Amino acid sequence: MNDNVKILATHLAFPEGPIAMPDGSVVFVEIGAGQLSRWRPNGQVEAVAQPGGGPNGATSDQRDRIYIAQNGGNWMRNPDPTRVEPGMSGGVQCVIDGEAVWVSRNPLAPNDLCFGPDGLLYVT
């Protein structure tokens, strides 16, 4: 193994969308678990929110609110489209007080998102 590589956490469920937070923690989605998680510098990993579906990317705004690109779980955790979670679809979610609330149900299966220098939220 490369001496410049340090493993910070193991047993994660397809992590993506890491966000470096002001407190030194890193928030990220776990697509395979349908959750938003946080790694802390002491090595602890904890669940932050359970958006369900397939959270596929994450970003934060200037007030450190977390936004999630939600693919709906229609391909990663659930390749069988006849078994989609009830009420689940794709779109954009925002985490407020530990709950993932819908900002938009579009696009159908977003992959990632970020805020631009103009303050607008860009979604792919």
Foldseek 3Di string as FASTA:
>chain_A
DDPVDDDLDDPAQCWEAWDQDPQRKIWTARQQQQFIWIAHPVSDIDTQARNDAGFAYWEAAPVRWIKTFHLQVCPDNNVPNVPGDPPTFTAMWIADNRYTDGPDRPDGGWRYWYADPVRDIDTD
